[in-house]
PDB file of N, CA and C in Angstrom:
ATOM      1  N   MET A   1     -17.831  -2.328 -57.279  1.00  0.00           N
ATOM      2  CA  MET A   1     -16.934  -3.474 -57.359  1.00  0.00           C
ATOM      3  C   MET A   1     -16.094  -3.424 -58.632  1.00  0.00           C
ATOM      4  N   ILE A   2     -16.736  -3.128 -59.755  1.00  0.00           N
ATOM      5  CA  ILE A   2     -16.006  -3.043 -61.021  1.00  0.00           C
ATOM      6  C   ILE A   2     -14.980  -1.922 -60.966  1.00  0.00           C
ATOM      7  N   GLN A   3     -15.359  -0.805 -60.325  1.00  0.00           N
ATOM      8  CA  GLN A   3     -14.432   0.322 -60.220  1.00  0.00           C
ATOM      9  C   GLN A   3     -13.202  -0.074 -59.399  1.00  0.00           C
ATOM     10  N   LEU A   4     -13.407  -0.836 -58.347  1.00  0.00           N
ATOM     11  CA  LEU A   4     -12.297  -1.291 -57.517  1.00  0.00           C
ATOM     12  C   LEU A   4     -11.349  -2.184 -58.313  1.00  0.00           C
ATOM     13  N   VAL A   5     -11.894  -3.101 -59.075  1.00  0.00           N
ATOM     14  CA  VAL A   5     -11.075  -4.000 -59.893  1.00  0.00           C
ATOM     15  C   VAL A   5     -10.285  -3.208 -60.929  1.00  0.00           C
ATOM     16  N   LEU A   6     -10.933  -2.264 -61.587  1.00  0.00           N
ATOM     17  CA  LEU A   6     -10.238  -1.440 -62.585  1.00  0.00           C
ATOM     18  C   LEU A   6      -9.134  -0.610 -61.948  1.00  0.00           C
ATOM     19  N   THR A   7      -9.395  -0.066 -60.778  1.00  0.00           N
ATOM     20  CA  THR A   7      -8.382   0.721 -60.072  1.00  0.00           C
ATOM     21  C   THR A   7      -7.176  -0.145 -59.725  1.00  0.00           C
ATOM     22  N   LEU A   8      -7.419  -1.341 -59.217  1.00  0.00           N
ATOM     23  CA  LEU A   8      -6.318  -2.249 -58.888  1.00  0.00           C
ATOM     24  C   LEU A   8      -5.518  -2.633 -60.127  1.00  0.00           C
ATOM     25  N   CYS A   9      -6.200  -2.846 -61.241  1.00  0.00           N
ATOM     26  CA  CYS A   9      -5.505  -3.166 -62.494  1.00  0.00           C
ATOM     27  C   CYS A   9      -4.607  -2.019 -62.928  1.00  0.00           C
ATOM     28  N   LEU A  10      -5.107  -0.803 -62.836  1.00  0.00           N
ATOM     29  CA  LEU A  10      -4.310   0.362 -63.223  1.00  0.00           C
ATOM     30  C   LEU A  10      -3.102   0.536 -62.312  1.00  0.00           C
ATOM     31  N   LEU A  11      -3.297   0.382 -61.011  1.00  0.00           N
ATOM     32  CA  LEU A  11      -2.183   0.521 -60.076  1.00  0.00           C
ATOM     33  C   LEU A  11      -1.114  -0.533 -60.326  1.00  0.00           C
ATOM     34  N   THR A  12      -1.527  -1.748 -60.586  1.00  0.00           N
ATOM     35  CA  THR A  12      -0.580  -2.821 -60.877  1.00  0.00           C
ATOM     36  C   THR A  12       0.191  -2.534 -62.153  1.00  0.00           C
ATOM     37  N   THR A  13      -0.495  -2.053 -63.171  1.00  0.00           N
ATOM     38  CA  THR A  13       0.156  -1.735 -64.446  1.00  0.00           C
ATOM     39  C   THR A  13       1.202  -0.659 -64.255  1.00  0.00           C
ATOM     40  N   PHE A  14       0.865   0.398 -63.538  1.00  0.00           N
ATOM     41  CA  PHE A  14       1.816   1.485 -63.327  1.00  0.00           C
ATOM     42  C   PHE A  14       2.986   1.042 -62.461  1.00  0.00           C
ATOM     43  N   SER A  15       2.755   0.153 -61.504  1.00  0.00           N
ATOM     44  CA  SER A  15       3.841  -0.347 -60.663  1.00  0.00           C
ATOM     45  C   SER A  15       4.851  -1.126 -61.490  1.00  0.00           C
ATOM     46  N   PHE A  16       4.365  -2.013 -62.374  1.00  0.00           N
ATOM     47  CA  PHE A  16       5.274  -2.779 -63.215  1.00  0.00           C
ATOM     48  C   PHE A  16       5.983  -1.875 -64.211  1.00  0.00           C
ATOM     49  N   ALA A  17       5.311  -0.870 -64.722  1.00  0.00           N
ATOM     50  CA  ALA A  17       5.936   0.063 -65.662  1.00  0.00           C
ATOM     51  C   ALA A  17       7.056   0.834 -64.981  1.00  0.00           C
ATOM     52  N   ALA A  18       6.857   1.213 -63.741  1.00  0.00           N
ATOM     53  CA  ALA A  18       7.892   1.943 -63.015  1.00  0.00           C
ATOM     54  C   ALA A  18       9.117   1.066 -62.793  1.00  0.00           C
ATOM     55  N   LEU A  19       8.912  -0.208 -62.493  1.00  0.00           N
ATOM     56  CA  LEU A  19      10.039  -1.119 -62.318  1.00  0.00           C
ATOM     57  C   LEU A  19      10.793  -1.328 -63.621  1.00  0.00           C
ATOM     58  N   ALA A  20      10.080  -1.464 -64.715  1.00  0.00           N
ATOM     59  CA  ALA A  20      10.701  -1.719 -66.006  1.00  0.00           C
ATOM     60  C   ALA A  20      11.501  -0.521 -66.494  1.00  0.00           C
ATOM     61  N   GLN A  21      11.155   0.690 -66.069  1.00  0.00           N
ATOM     62  CA  GLN A  21      11.861   1.876 -66.521  1.00  0.00           C
ATOM     63  C   GLN A  21      13.292   1.915 -66.006  1.00  0.00           C
ATOM     64  N   ASP A  22      13.568   1.244 -64.904  1.00  0.00           N
ATOM     65  CA  ASP A  22      14.916   1.233 -64.357  1.00  0.00           C
ATOM     66  C   ASP A  22      15.855   0.342 -65.159  1.00  0.00           C
ATOM     67  N   ALA A  23      15.308  -0.596 -65.906  1.00  0.00           N
ATOM     68  CA  ALA A  23      16.138  -1.525 -66.671  1.00  0.00           C
ATOM     69  C   ALA A  23      16.863  -0.778 -67.778  1.00  0.00           C
ATOM     70  N   VAL A  24      18.141  -1.103 -67.977  1.00  0.00           N
ATOM     71  CA  VAL A  24      18.925  -0.458 -69.033  1.00  0.00           C
ATOM     72  C   VAL A  24      19.112  -1.375 -70.230  1.00  0.00           C
ATOM     73  N   ALA A  25      18.830  -2.673 -70.040  1.00  0.00           N
ATOM     74  CA  ALA A  25      19.038  -3.620 -71.137  1.00  0.00           C
ATOM     75  C   ALA A  25      18.264  -4.904 -70.861  1.00  0.00           C
ATOM     76  N   THR A  26      18.205  -5.749 -71.889  1.00  0.00           N
ATOM     77  CA  THR A  26      17.579  -7.065 -71.783  1.00  0.00           C
ATOM     78  C   THR A  26      18.549  -8.098 -72.334  1.00  0.00           C
ATOM     79  N   LEU A  27      18.668  -9.222 -71.655  1.00  0.00           N
ATOM     80  CA  LEU A  27      19.463 -10.325 -72.178  1.00  0.00           C
ATOM     81  C   LEU A  27      18.651 -10.947 -73.304  1.00  0.00           C
ATOM     82  N   TYR A  28      19.036 -10.656 -74.530  1.00  0.00           N
ATOM     83  CA  TYR A  28      18.265 -11.034 -75.714  1.00  0.00           C
ATOM     84  C   TYR A  28      18.385 -12.526 -76.004  1.00  0.00           C
ATOM     85  N   SER A  29      19.607 -13.052 -75.915  1.00  0.00           N
ATOM     86  CA  SER A  29      19.811 -14.487 -76.131  1.00  0.00           C
ATOM     87  C   SER A  29      21.071 -14.927 -75.406  1.00  0.00           C
ATOM     88  N   SER A  30      21.129 -16.214 -75.119  1.00  0.00           N
ATOM     89  CA  SER A  30      22.324 -16.751 -74.470  1.00  0.00           C
ATOM     90  C   SER A  30      22.494 -18.211 -74.853  1.00  0.00           C
ATOM     91  N   THR A  31      23.748 -18.617 -74.981  1.00  0.00           N
ATOM     92  CA  THR A  31      24.090 -20.016 -75.219  1.00  0.00           C
ATOM     93  C   THR A  31      25.274 -20.362 -74.341  1.00  0.00           C
ATOM     94  N   GLY A  32      25.373 -21.614 -73.966  1.00  0.00           N
ATOM     95  CA  GLY A  32      26.464 -22.030 -73.100  1.00  0.00           C
ATOM     96  C   GLY A  32      26.268 -21.481 -71.694  1.00  0.00           C
ATOM     97  N   VAL A  33      27.380 -21.324 -70.998  1.00  0.00           N
ATOM     98  CA  VAL A  33      27.326 -20.838 -69.619  1.00  0.00           C
ATOM     99  C   VAL A  33      27.294 -19.314 -69.616  1.00  0.00           C
ATOM    100  N   VAL A  34      26.195 -18.756 -69.100  1.00  0.00           N
ATOM    101  CA  VAL A  34      26.048 -17.307 -68.940  1.00  0.00           C
ATOM    102  C   VAL A  34      25.507 -17.066 -67.538  1.00  0.00           C
ATOM    103  N   GLU A  35      26.238 -16.287 -66.755  1.00  0.00           N
ATOM    104  CA  GLU A  35      25.823 -15.958 -65.396  1.00  0.00           C
ATOM    105  C   GLU A  35      25.634 -14.456 -65.279  1.00  0.00           C
ATOM    106  N   VAL A  36      24.643 -14.060 -64.493  1.00  0.00           N
ATOM    107  CA  VAL A  36      24.385 -12.644 -64.258  1.00  0.00           C
ATOM    108  C   VAL A  36      24.396 -12.414 -62.754  1.00  0.00           C
ATOM    109  N   THR A  37      25.240 -11.488 -62.303  1.00  0.00           N
ATOM    110  CA  THR A  37      25.236 -11.078 -60.908  1.00  0.00           C
ATOM    111  C   THR A  37      24.391  -9.819 -60.816  1.00  0.00           C
ATOM    112  N   LEU A  38      23.308  -9.911 -60.064  1.00  0.00           N
ATOM    113  CA  LEU A  38      22.368  -8.806 -59.935  1.00  0.00           C
ATOM    114  C   LEU A  38      22.887  -7.801 -58.915  1.00  0.00           C
ATOM    115  N   SER A  39      22.988  -6.544 -59.324  1.00  0.00           N
ATOM    116  CA  SER A  39      23.591  -5.527 -58.466  1.00  0.00           C
ATOM    117  C   SER A  39      22.762  -5.230 -57.223  1.00  0.00           C
ATOM    118  N   LYS A  40      21.453  -5.356 -57.314  1.00  0.00           N
ATOM    119  CA  LYS A  40      20.603  -5.008 -56.168  1.00  0.00           C
ATOM    120  C   LYS A  40      20.720  -6.020 -55.039  1.00  0.00           C
ATOM    121  N   SER A  41      20.908  -7.295 -55.371  1.00  0.00           N
ATOM    122  CA  SER A  41      20.961  -8.332 -54.339  1.00  0.00           C
ATOM    123  C   SER A  41      22.319  -9.021 -54.257  1.00  0.00           C
ATOM    124  N   MET A  42      23.204  -8.746 -55.214  1.00  0.00           N
ATOM    125  CA  MET A  42      24.506  -9.414 -55.318  1.00  0.00           C
ATOM    126  C   MET A  42      24.344 -10.926 -55.448  1.00  0.00           C
ATOM    127  N   ARG A  43      23.202 -11.356 -55.945  1.00  0.00           N
ATOM    128  CA  ARG A  43      22.917 -12.770 -56.171  1.00  0.00           C
ATOM    129  C   ARG A  43      23.288 -13.109 -57.604  1.00  0.00           C
ATOM    130  N   THR A  44      23.880 -14.277 -57.817  1.00  0.00           N
ATOM    131  CA  THR A  44      24.224 -14.728 -59.162  1.00  0.00           C
ATOM    132  C   THR A  44      23.165 -15.709 -59.634  1.00  0.00           C
ATOM    133  N   THR A  45      22.704 -15.499 -60.870  1.00  0.00           N
ATOM    134  CA  THR A  45      21.672 -16.343 -61.456  1.00  0.00           C
ATOM    135  C   THR A  45      22.093 -16.741 -62.858  1.00  0.00           C
ATOM    136  N   GLN A  46      21.499 -17.796 -63.360  1.00  0.00           N
ATOM    137  CA  GLN A  46      21.788 -18.224 -64.724  1.00  0.00           C
ATOM    138  C   GLN A  46      21.143 -17.238 -65.689  1.00  0.00           C
ATOM    139  N   GLY A  47      21.907 -16.799 -66.691  1.00  0.00           N
ATOM    140  CA  GLY A  47      21.358 -15.896 -67.697  1.00  0.00           C
ATOM    141  C   GLY A  47      20.325 -16.610 -68.546  1.00  0.00           C
ATOM    142  N   ARG A  48      19.218 -15.933 -68.812  1.00  0.00           N
ATOM    143  CA  ARG A  48      18.162 -16.517 -69.644  1.00  0.00           C
ATOM    144  C   ARG A  48      17.552 -15.414 -70.491  1.00  0.00           C
ATOM    145  N   GLU A  49      17.013 -15.797 -71.614  1.00  0.00           N
ATOM    146  CA  GLU A  49      16.409 -14.831 -72.521  1.00  0.00           C
ATOM    147  C   GLU A  49      15.313 -14.046 -71.815  1.00  0.00           C
ATOM    148  N   GLY A  50      15.310 -12.737 -72.042  1.00  0.00           N
ATOM    149  CA  GLY A  50      14.283 -11.878 -71.469  1.00  0.00           C
ATOM    150  C   GLY A  50      14.622 -11.309 -70.107  1.00  0.00           C
ATOM    151  N   LEU A  51      15.762 -11.704 -69.532  1.00  0.00           N
ATOM    152  CA  LEU A  51      16.155 -11.197 -68.221  1.00  0.00           C
ATOM    153  C   LEU A  51      16.449  -9.707 -68.325  1.00  0.00           C
ATOM    154  N   LEU A  52      15.817  -8.897 -67.473  1.00  0.00           N
ATOM    155  CA  LEU A  52      16.069  -7.461 -67.466  1.00  0.00           C
ATOM    156  C   LEU A  52      17.378  -7.185 -66.750  1.00  0.00           C
ATOM    157  N   LEU A  53      18.172  -6.299 -67.320  1.00  0.00           N
ATOM    158  CA  LEU A  53      19.463  -5.932 -66.744  1.00  0.00           C
ATOM    159  C   LEU A  53      19.414  -4.482 -66.284  1.00  0.00           C
ATOM    160  N   TYR A  54      20.008  -4.233 -65.129  1.00  0.00           N
ATOM    161  CA  TYR A  54      20.009  -2.909 -64.523  1.00  0.00           C
ATOM    162  C   TYR A  54      21.443  -2.400 -64.410  1.00  0.00           C
ATOM    163  N   GLU A  55      21.577  -1.101 -64.098  1.00  0.00           N
ATOM    164  CA  GLU A  55      22.916  -0.537 -63.926  1.00  0.00           C
ATOM    165  C   GLU A  55      23.693  -1.360 -62.913  1.00  0.00           C
ATOM    166  N   ARG A  56      24.939  -1.617 -63.227  1.00  0.00           N
ATOM    167  CA  ARG A  56      25.896  -2.334 -62.386  1.00  0.00           C
ATOM    168  C   ARG A  56      25.657  -3.841 -62.299  1.00  0.00           C
ATOM    169  N   ASP A  57      24.688  -4.394 -63.047  1.00  0.00           N
ATOM    170  CA  ASP A  57      24.583  -5.848 -63.149  1.00  0.00           C
ATOM    171  C   ASP A  57      25.797  -6.341 -63.925  1.00  0.00           C
ATOM    172  N   LEU A  58      26.256  -7.520 -63.620  1.00  0.00           N
ATOM    173  CA  LEU A  58      27.450  -8.076 -64.249  1.00  0.00           C
ATOM    174  C   LEU A  58      27.080  -9.337 -65.020  1.00  0.00           C
ATOM    175  N   VAL A  59      27.378  -9.346 -66.319  1.00  0.00           N
ATOM    176  CA  VAL A  59      27.132 -10.514 -67.162  1.00  0.00           C
ATOM    177  C   VAL A  59      28.474 -11.177 -67.432  1.00  0.00           C
ATOM    178  N   ARG A  60      28.550 -12.473 -67.124  1.00  0.00           N
ATOM    179  CA  ARG A  60      29.804 -13.205 -67.276  1.00  0.00           C
ATOM    180  C   ARG A  60      29.514 -14.472 -68.073  1.00  0.00           C
ATOM    181  N   THR A  61      30.354 -14.756 -69.070  1.00  0.00           N
ATOM    182  CA  THR A  61      30.174 -15.967 -69.872  1.00  0.00           C
ATOM    183  C   THR A  61      31.303 -16.944 -69.597  1.00  0.00           C
ATOM    184  N   GLY A  62      30.986 -18.227 -69.745  1.00  0.00           N
ATOM    185  CA  GLY A  62      32.004 -19.256 -69.654  1.00  0.00           C
ATOM    186  C   GLY A  62      32.770 -19.329 -70.970  1.00  0.00           C
ATOM    187  N   VAL A  63      33.707 -20.251 -71.060  1.00  0.00           N
ATOM    188  CA  VAL A  63      34.529 -20.410 -72.259  1.00  0.00           C
ATOM    189  C   VAL A  63      33.662 -20.653 -73.486  1.00  0.00           C
ATOM    190  N   ASP A  64      32.598 -21.442 -73.327  1.00  0.00           N
ATOM    191  CA  ASP A  64      31.722 -21.766 -74.451  1.00  0.00           C
ATOM    192  C   ASP A  64      30.480 -20.870 -74.508  1.00  0.00           C
ATOM    193  N   GLY A  65      30.408 -19.856 -73.663  1.00  0.00           N
ATOM    194  CA  GLY A  65      29.200 -19.043 -73.546  1.00  0.00           C
ATOM    195  C   GLY A  65      29.181 -17.832 -74.464  1.00  0.00           C
ATOM    196  N   LYS A  66      27.971 -17.455 -74.855  1.00  0.00           N
ATOM    197  CA  LYS A  66      27.742 -16.238 -75.628  1.00  0.00           C
ATOM    198  C   LYS A  66      26.486 -15.575 -75.091  1.00  0.00           C
ATOM    199  N   ALA A  67      26.503 -14.247 -75.053  1.00  0.00           N
ATOM    200  CA  ALA A  67      25.331 -13.496 -74.611  1.00  0.00           C
ATOM    201  C   ALA A  67      25.123 -12.327 -75.559  1.00  0.00           C
ATOM    202  N   THR A  68      23.886 -12.133 -75.965  1.00  0.00           N
ATOM    203  CA  THR A  68      23.522 -10.974 -76.772  1.00  0.00           C
ATOM    204  C   THR A  68      22.661 -10.081 -75.894  1.00  0.00           C
ATOM    205  N   ILE A  69      23.094  -8.825 -75.738  1.00  0.00           N
ATOM    206  CA  ILE A  69      22.408  -7.879 -74.864  1.00  0.00           C
ATOM    207  C   ILE A  69      21.825  -6.764 -75.714  1.00  0.00           C
ATOM    208  N   LEU A  70      20.548  -6.488 -75.509  1.00  0.00           N
ATOM    209  CA  LEU A  70      19.860  -5.421 -76.227  1.00  0.00           C
ATOM    210  C   LEU A  70      19.681  -4.254 -75.266  1.00  0.00           C
ATOM    211  N   PHE A  71      20.400  -3.147 -75.536  1.00  0.00           N
ATOM    212  CA  PHE A  71      20.315  -1.976 -74.675  1.00  0.00           C
ATOM    213  C   PHE A  71      19.108  -1.127 -75.038  1.00  0.00           C
ATOM    214  N   ARG A  72      18.465  -0.544 -74.045  1.00  0.00           N
ATOM    215  CA  ARG A  72      17.250   0.243 -74.251  1.00  0.00           C
ATOM    216  C   ARG A  72      17.506   1.506 -75.063  1.00  0.00           C
ATOM    217  N   ASP A  73      18.701   2.072 -74.944  1.00  0.00           N
ATOM    218  CA  ASP A  73      18.989   3.317 -75.662  1.00  0.00           C
ATOM    219  C   ASP A  73      19.559   3.075 -77.052  1.00  0.00           C
ATOM    220  N   GLY A  74      19.544   1.841 -77.489  1.00  0.00           N
ATOM    221  CA  GLY A  74      19.997   1.513 -78.841  1.00  0.00           C
ATOM    222  C   GLY A  74      21.380   1.041 -78.832  1.00  0.00           C
TER     223      GLY A  74
END
């Protein structure tokens, strides 16, 4: 039973790590109106701190908006 639980934990960890590797940046901070159009679903969502950004995602700010993006490659 313990071995099964440990195996499931390892598989889950590797699955999340594989998903995170595709991200090219993180929305570090945002103020005002910040919208992100996700390239995989073409859905628009409100930008929030910690949001992972992928290739071809679109970040758009309103007149009063600011977004700080931290790219994985520096």
